Protein backbone atom coordinates (compact mmCIF):
# COMPACT_ATOMS: atom_id res chain seq x y z
CA MET A 1 -18.24 -0.73 2.49
CA ILE A 2 -15.47 1.84 3.27
CA ILE A 3 -14.88 2.32 6.81
CA LYS A 4 -12.64 5.02 8.30
CA GLU A 5 -10.37 4.13 11.25
CA ASP A 6 -10.80 6.81 14.17
CA LEU A 7 -7.64 8.84 14.10
CA ILE A 8 -6.45 10.99 16.91
CA LEU A 9 -5.19 14.30 15.14
CA THR A 10 -3.15 16.93 16.88
CA LYS A 11 -5.28 20.09 16.85
CA GLU A 12 -2.46 22.77 17.69
CA TRP A 13 -0.13 23.92 15.03
CA ASP A 14 3.08 21.76 15.53
CA LYS A 15 4.82 22.02 12.47
CA THR A 16 8.47 22.57 11.70
CA PHE A 17 7.86 25.76 9.79
CA PRO A 18 5.90 28.69 10.65
CA LYS A 19 2.15 29.29 9.68
CA SER A 20 1.36 31.48 6.61
CA GLU A 21 -1.06 34.11 6.92
CA LYS A 22 -1.88 33.74 3.21
CA THR A 23 -3.38 30.34 3.58
CA GLU A 24 -6.14 28.16 5.47
CA HIS A 25 -5.19 24.96 7.00
CA LYS A 26 -7.43 22.34 8.20
CA LYS A 27 -6.96 18.74 9.41
CA VAL A 28 -8.27 15.85 7.00
CA THR A 29 -8.58 12.15 6.73
CA PHE A 30 -9.22 9.97 3.59
CA VAL A 31 -9.32 5.93 3.07
CA ASN A 32 -6.72 4.18 0.63
CA ARG A 33 -7.88 1.16 -1.34
CA TYR A 34 -6.49 -1.05 1.35
CA GLY A 35 -8.77 0.41 4.11
CA ILE A 36 -6.14 2.38 6.03
CA THR A 37 -7.11 5.79 6.60
CA LEU A 38 -4.89 8.51 6.10
CA ALA A 39 -4.44 11.77 7.89
CA GLY A 40 -3.53 15.03 6.04
CA ASP A 41 -3.07 18.70 6.32
CA LEU A 42 -5.15 20.56 3.84
CA TYR A 43 -3.88 24.05 2.60
CA THR A 44 -5.83 26.39 0.67
CA PRO A 45 -5.51 29.91 -0.41
CA LYS A 46 -7.66 32.52 1.45
CA ASN A 47 -10.57 33.78 -0.23
CA ILE A 48 -10.97 31.13 -2.77
CA SER A 49 -12.95 31.67 -5.86
CA GLY A 50 -14.04 28.65 -7.95
CA LYS A 51 -12.27 25.51 -8.26
CA LEU A 52 -8.49 25.51 -8.22
CA PRO A 53 -5.79 23.27 -9.46
CA ALA A 54 -4.72 20.82 -6.62
CA VAL A 55 -1.42 19.15 -5.47
CA ALA A 56 -0.81 16.15 -3.17
CA VAL A 57 2.63 16.25 -1.57
CA CYS A 58 4.24 13.54 0.51
CA GLY A 59 7.94 12.85 1.74
CA PRO A 60 10.77 12.48 2.75
CA PHE A 61 10.84 8.67 3.29
CA GLY A 62 10.65 8.45 7.20
CA ALA A 63 9.45 11.98 7.54
CA VAL A 64 5.70 13.31 8.71
CA LYS A 65 3.53 15.92 6.95
CA GLU A 66 4.72 18.59 9.75
CA GLN A 67 7.99 18.49 8.20
CA CYS A 68 9.05 19.00 4.43
CA SER A 69 5.76 18.03 2.64
CA GLY A 70 3.72 20.48 4.85
CA LEU A 71 6.32 23.31 4.01
CA TYR A 72 5.79 22.53 0.17
CA ALA A 73 2.04 22.26 0.53
CA GLN A 74 1.61 25.48 2.29
CA LYS A 75 3.95 27.34 -0.26
CA MET A 76 1.83 25.82 -3.17
CA ALA A 77 -1.31 27.22 -1.26
CA GLU A 78 0.18 30.43 -1.19
CA MET A 79 0.60 30.19 -5.17
CA GLY A 80 -2.92 29.64 -5.64
CA PHE A 81 -3.22 25.66 -5.29
CA VAL A 82 -5.30 23.60 -3.20
CA ALA A 83 -2.57 21.35 -1.76
CA LEU A 84 -2.69 18.29 0.49
CA ALA A 85 0.00 16.89 2.53
CA PHE A 86 -0.38 13.76 4.01
CA ASP A 87 1.32 10.82 6.24
CA PRO A 88 1.69 7.81 4.42
CA SER A 89 0.18 4.28 5.80
CA PHE A 90 1.85 3.15 9.14
CA THR A 91 3.34 6.41 9.93
CA GLY A 92 2.64 9.73 11.58
CA GLU A 93 -1.04 10.36 12.28
CA SER A 94 -2.22 8.12 9.60
CA GLY A 95 -3.73 4.54 10.39
CA GLY A 96 -2.50 1.12 9.99
CA ASN A 97 -2.20 -1.18 12.99
CA VAL A 98 1.35 -2.30 12.33
CA ARG A 99 3.46 0.96 12.66
CA TYR A 100 6.53 1.91 10.81
CA MET A 101 6.15 -0.36 7.74
CA ALA A 102 6.59 0.65 4.22
CA SER A 103 5.33 -1.16 1.02
CA PRO A 104 6.10 -0.17 -2.62
CA ASP A 105 2.46 -1.14 -3.50
CA ILE A 106 0.68 0.60 -0.51
CA ASN A 107 2.53 3.55 -0.59
CA THR A 108 1.94 4.07 -4.09
CA GLU A 109 -1.70 3.63 -3.43
CA ASP A 110 -1.33 6.22 -0.67
CA PHE A 111 -0.59 8.95 -3.52
CA MET A 112 -3.40 7.73 -5.46
CA ALA A 113 -5.75 7.84 -2.43
CA ALA A 114 -4.90 11.42 -2.24
CA VAL A 115 -5.82 11.98 -5.73
CA ASP A 116 -9.11 10.34 -5.01
CA TYR A 117 -9.63 12.85 -2.04
CA LEU A 118 -8.68 15.96 -4.11
CA SER A 119 -10.74 14.70 -7.17
CA LEU A 120 -13.82 14.88 -4.89
CA TYR A 121 -12.85 17.80 -2.92
CA ASP A 122 -15.30 20.88 -3.64
CA GLU A 123 -12.68 23.53 -3.99
CA ALA A 124 -10.37 21.45 -6.34
CA ASP A 125 -10.58 20.98 -10.14
CA PRO A 126 -10.52 17.22 -10.70
CA ASP A 127 -9.19 17.80 -14.19
CA HIS A 128 -6.11 19.69 -12.94
CA ILE A 129 -4.21 17.50 -10.21
CA GLY A 130 -0.63 16.94 -9.60
CA ILE A 131 1.55 15.25 -6.99
CA ILE A 132 4.88 16.17 -5.22
CA GLY A 133 7.07 13.62 -4.00
CA ILE A 134 10.14 14.43 -1.86
CA CYS A 135 13.33 11.98 -1.27
CA GLY A 136 12.14 8.51 -1.21
CA TRP A 137 8.48 9.82 -2.10
CA GLY A 138 9.93 11.33 -5.27
CA GLY A 139 10.28 7.65 -6.49
CA MET A 140 6.66 6.79 -5.32
CA ALA A 141 5.46 9.85 -6.84
CA ILE A 142 6.92 8.78 -10.45
CA ASN A 143 5.71 5.29 -9.88
CA ALA A 144 2.10 6.61 -9.03
CA ALA A 145 2.27 8.84 -12.03
CA ALA A 146 2.99 5.74 -14.14
CA LEU A 147 -0.15 4.16 -12.88
CA ASP A 148 -2.54 6.92 -12.28
CA THR A 149 -3.82 8.66 -15.30
CA ARG A 150 -5.64 11.38 -13.39
CA VAL A 151 -2.14 12.98 -12.48
CA LYS A 152 -1.60 15.55 -14.99
CA ALA A 153 1.95 16.54 -13.74
CA THR A 154 4.42 15.28 -11.16
CA VAL A 155 7.26 16.78 -9.27
CA SER A 156 10.09 14.77 -7.59
CA SER A 157 12.41 16.49 -5.38
CA THR A 158 15.63 15.38 -4.02
CA MET A 159 14.43 11.81 -5.37
CA TYR A 160 15.45 8.36 -3.93
CA ASP A 161 14.52 5.20 -5.57
CA MET A 162 13.90 3.23 -2.40
CA THR A 163 13.75 -0.05 -4.44
CA ARG A 164 17.15 0.58 -5.90
CA VAL A 165 18.92 1.50 -2.57
CA ASN A 166 17.44 -1.49 -0.85
CA ALA A 167 18.34 -3.74 -3.37
CA LYS A 168 21.91 -2.56 -4.59
CA GLY A 169 22.74 -0.45 -1.51
CA TYR A 170 24.06 3.29 -1.43
CA PHE A 171 25.97 4.13 -4.93
CA ASP A 172 25.05 0.45 -6.00
CA SER A 173 27.87 -0.62 -3.94
CA GLU A 174 26.13 -4.03 -2.91
CA ASP A 175 24.77 -4.85 -6.21
CA SER A 176 25.50 -8.51 -6.57
CA GLU A 177 23.51 -11.91 -5.97
CA GLU A 178 25.55 -12.50 -2.89
CA ALA A 179 24.78 -9.17 -1.34
CA ARG A 180 21.19 -9.62 -1.87
CA TYR A 181 21.04 -13.07 -0.55
CA GLU A 182 22.61 -11.99 2.66
CA HIS A 183 20.23 -8.83 2.92
CA LYS A 184 17.29 -11.10 2.49
CA LYS A 185 18.57 -13.89 4.95
CA ALA A 186 19.07 -11.30 7.69
CA MET A 187 15.44 -10.04 6.81
CA CYS A 188 13.99 -13.39 7.33
CA GLU A 189 15.98 -14.12 10.49
CA GLN A 190 14.49 -10.74 11.81
CA ARG A 191 10.94 -12.04 11.17
CA LEU A 192 11.35 -14.77 13.46
CA LYS A 193 12.91 -12.79 16.15
CA ASP A 194 9.86 -10.26 15.76
CA ILE A 195 7.41 -12.92 16.08
CA SER A 196 9.19 -14.55 18.99
CA ALA A 197 9.15 -11.27 20.81
CA GLY A 198 5.76 -10.27 20.11
CA GLU A 199 6.85 -7.11 18.47
CA TYR A 200 8.78 -5.59 15.68
CA ALA A 201 12.25 -4.31 16.34
CA LEU A 202 13.18 -0.78 15.11
CA GLY A 203 16.02 -0.29 12.82
CA GLY A 204 17.08 3.03 14.38
CA GLY A 205 16.54 6.48 12.96
CA VAL A 206 19.28 9.18 12.00
CA VAL A 207 22.34 7.98 14.31
CA ASP A 208 22.86 10.00 17.27
CA PRO A 209 25.16 11.05 18.63
CA LEU A 210 26.73 11.69 15.35
CA PRO A 211 30.24 9.89 14.76
CA GLU A 212 32.99 12.41 13.84
CA ASP A 213 33.93 10.23 10.80
CA ALA A 214 30.40 9.91 9.66
CA PRO A 215 30.04 10.21 5.79
CA PHE A 216 28.83 13.77 4.91
CA PHE A 217 25.23 12.57 3.78
CA VAL A 218 24.76 11.21 7.22
CA LYS A 219 25.80 14.56 8.71
CA ASP A 220 23.59 16.13 6.29
CA TYR A 221 20.69 14.07 7.57
CA TYR A 222 21.72 14.72 11.13
CA ASP A 223 21.54 18.54 10.55
CA TYR A 224 17.88 18.35 9.65
CA TYR A 225 16.30 15.37 11.65
CA LYS A 226 18.24 15.75 14.81
CA THR A 227 18.17 19.59 15.30
CA GLU A 228 15.76 22.23 15.81
CA ARG A 229 15.82 22.74 12.04
CA GLY A 230 13.77 19.80 11.41
CA TYR A 231 13.17 17.52 14.27
CA HIS A 232 9.55 16.26 14.98
CA HIS A 233 8.49 13.84 17.66
CA ARG A 234 6.49 11.72 15.17
CA SER A 235 9.07 11.47 12.49
CA LEU A 236 10.87 8.21 12.08
CA ASN A 237 14.14 9.54 11.01
CA SER A 238 14.30 12.04 13.88
CA ASN A 239 13.68 9.09 16.36
CA GLY A 240 13.68 5.26 16.24
CA GLY A 241 13.31 4.65 12.52
CA TRP A 242 11.46 2.20 10.46
CA ASN A 243 10.97 -1.36 11.70
CA VAL A 244 14.23 -3.56 10.83
CA THR A 245 11.99 -5.38 8.20
CA GLY A 246 9.99 -2.27 7.13
CA CYS A 247 11.64 -2.04 3.82
CA GLU A 248 11.77 -6.05 3.23
CA SER A 249 9.66 -5.90 -0.02
CA PHE A 250 11.45 -3.20 -1.63
CA ILE A 251 14.38 -5.58 -2.35
CA ASN A 252 12.96 -7.26 -5.36
CA GLN A 253 10.20 -5.00 -6.40
CA PRO A 254 11.60 -2.14 -8.70
CA ILE A 255 8.85 0.66 -8.82
CA LEU A 256 10.24 2.47 -11.96
CA MET A 257 9.78 -0.22 -14.47
CA TYR A 258 7.39 1.79 -16.93
CA SER A 259 8.37 5.13 -16.10
CA ASN A 260 9.05 5.76 -19.79
CA GLU A 261 5.56 5.03 -20.58
CA ILE A 262 4.26 8.30 -18.46
CA ARG A 263 2.55 10.52 -20.75
CA SER A 264 1.77 13.28 -18.37
CA ALA A 265 4.60 15.99 -17.49
CA VAL A 266 7.53 14.93 -14.88
CA LEU A 267 9.98 17.61 -13.46
CA LEU A 268 12.76 16.13 -11.45
CA ILE A 269 14.77 18.26 -9.30
CA HIS A 270 17.99 17.61 -7.57
CA GLY A 271 21.02 19.42 -5.84
CA GLU A 272 24.05 19.33 -7.58
CA ASP A 273 26.15 18.40 -4.47
CA ALA A 274 23.60 15.71 -3.35
CA HIS A 275 25.00 12.46 -2.48
CA SER A 276 21.61 11.15 -4.01
CA CYS A 277 21.74 13.36 -7.34
CA TYR A 278 22.51 9.90 -9.36
CA PHE A 279 18.79 8.70 -8.56
CA SER A 280 17.16 11.66 -10.30
CA LYS A 281 19.75 11.64 -13.14
CA ASP A 282 19.29 7.68 -13.91
CA ALA A 283 15.60 8.06 -13.36
CA TYR A 284 15.25 10.84 -15.84
CA ALA A 285 17.58 9.03 -18.44
CA ASP A 286 15.41 5.79 -18.18
CA MET A 287 11.92 8.03 -18.17
CA ILE A 288 12.86 9.51 -21.75
CA LYS A 289 14.69 6.43 -23.04
CA ASP A 290 12.63 4.79 -26.10
CA SER A 291 9.72 7.15 -25.05
CA LYS A 292 7.00 8.54 -27.01
CA TYR A 293 6.48 11.14 -24.29
CA ALA A 294 10.02 12.59 -23.53
CA ASP A 295 9.22 16.20 -24.69
CA ASN A 296 7.43 17.06 -21.13
CA LYS A 297 9.97 15.71 -19.25
CA GLU A 298 12.74 17.68 -17.41
CA LEU A 299 15.67 17.31 -15.18
CA LEU A 300 16.65 20.38 -13.09
CA ILE A 301 19.82 20.33 -11.12
CA ILE A 302 19.96 22.98 -8.55
CA PRO A 303 23.81 24.36 -8.24
CA GLY A 304 25.63 23.87 -4.91
CA ALA A 305 22.70 22.29 -3.22
CA VAL A 306 22.77 19.05 -1.14
CA HIS A 307 20.10 16.76 -0.40
CA THR A 308 18.38 18.33 2.27
CA ASP A 309 18.60 21.84 0.91
CA LEU A 310 15.58 20.70 -1.09
CA TYR A 311 13.88 19.65 2.38
CA ASP A 312 13.42 23.25 3.42
CA GLY A 313 15.68 25.40 1.33
CA GLY A 314 18.78 24.74 3.60
CA GLY A 315 18.98 28.58 4.55
CA LYS A 316 19.78 29.62 1.06
CA ASP A 317 16.15 29.45 -0.82
CA ALA A 318 17.34 26.28 -2.53
CA ILE A 319 13.87 25.09 -3.27
CA PRO A 320 12.88 26.52 -6.75
CA PHE A 321 9.23 27.14 -5.83
CA ASP A 322 8.71 29.61 -8.75
CA LYS A 323 9.63 26.87 -11.15
CA ILE A 324 7.57 24.29 -9.63
CA CYS A 325 4.47 26.59 -9.65
CA SER A 326 5.09 27.46 -13.24
CA PHE A 327 5.58 24.11 -14.07
CA PHE A 328 2.35 23.07 -12.71
CA LYS A 329 0.42 25.93 -14.17
CA GLU A 330 1.75 25.23 -17.57
CA ASN A 331 0.94 21.39 -17.31
CA LEU A 332 -2.50 21.09 -15.12
């Protein structure tokens, strides 16, 4: 028996972006395979006629649907799609009794549960469903595409491979058995601290106040998550962050193992000047290596764009929505 949790959903518009007059919006809930009820914002074009292609959108990692994913979803609805932006398990308005945890398995399932919802939604065409993953959810989207044969096309935007960064550090600077051992040892020690305290310690969101000598990518995150541009009171990155042990299982569970077996179309988009661009470049290379399905894979580099420019456009319309729309219309 599938039982939905009772979620408390905000009724007023509380997004970091203005409401479009071209779309309809409503709150929805759906249950994943682990019995966790997920909260979503469903965007549809006004005056729908017939069944439309549909997309599920999630990300960035530690954000909520009121931020980037909602912006993407609303824009896709303006372009003629049924679009579902959702909060992952344990975050935002979604369920899960333990808050601020992440899981390569459960979070991949979250995308698949969104595909379940869209497949059964009256105004969506179940044979024409795609997914969009932003930042850390770009990696999850690719992983879902490798598992879910119903997904006909996938877009990853400013993608992070969260298993790689947890196992190897930023720019693979901690890629050694010794570094991983120390990381795992710290996680195990933290588990006992949490159990003894009766609660999970938070790891901290984006650093605030911002140190003068902070790396550019930290300043980039601050400019989005800690300012009026993108702050949201439910966003982990804008506030206390994930639990210290929130990403423990990412250390030894690589999610992109079978990406070169993805038969459906994939478009990877990244900013040329983003600190994270190597994730998409390497993921694309791995995806087409020894693959029989390389012809429908594409890497698009946006000149002059940094990581968060693909969150909201960065004030310079950096998100190539026309390209995303044409990609889905061609492949869904």
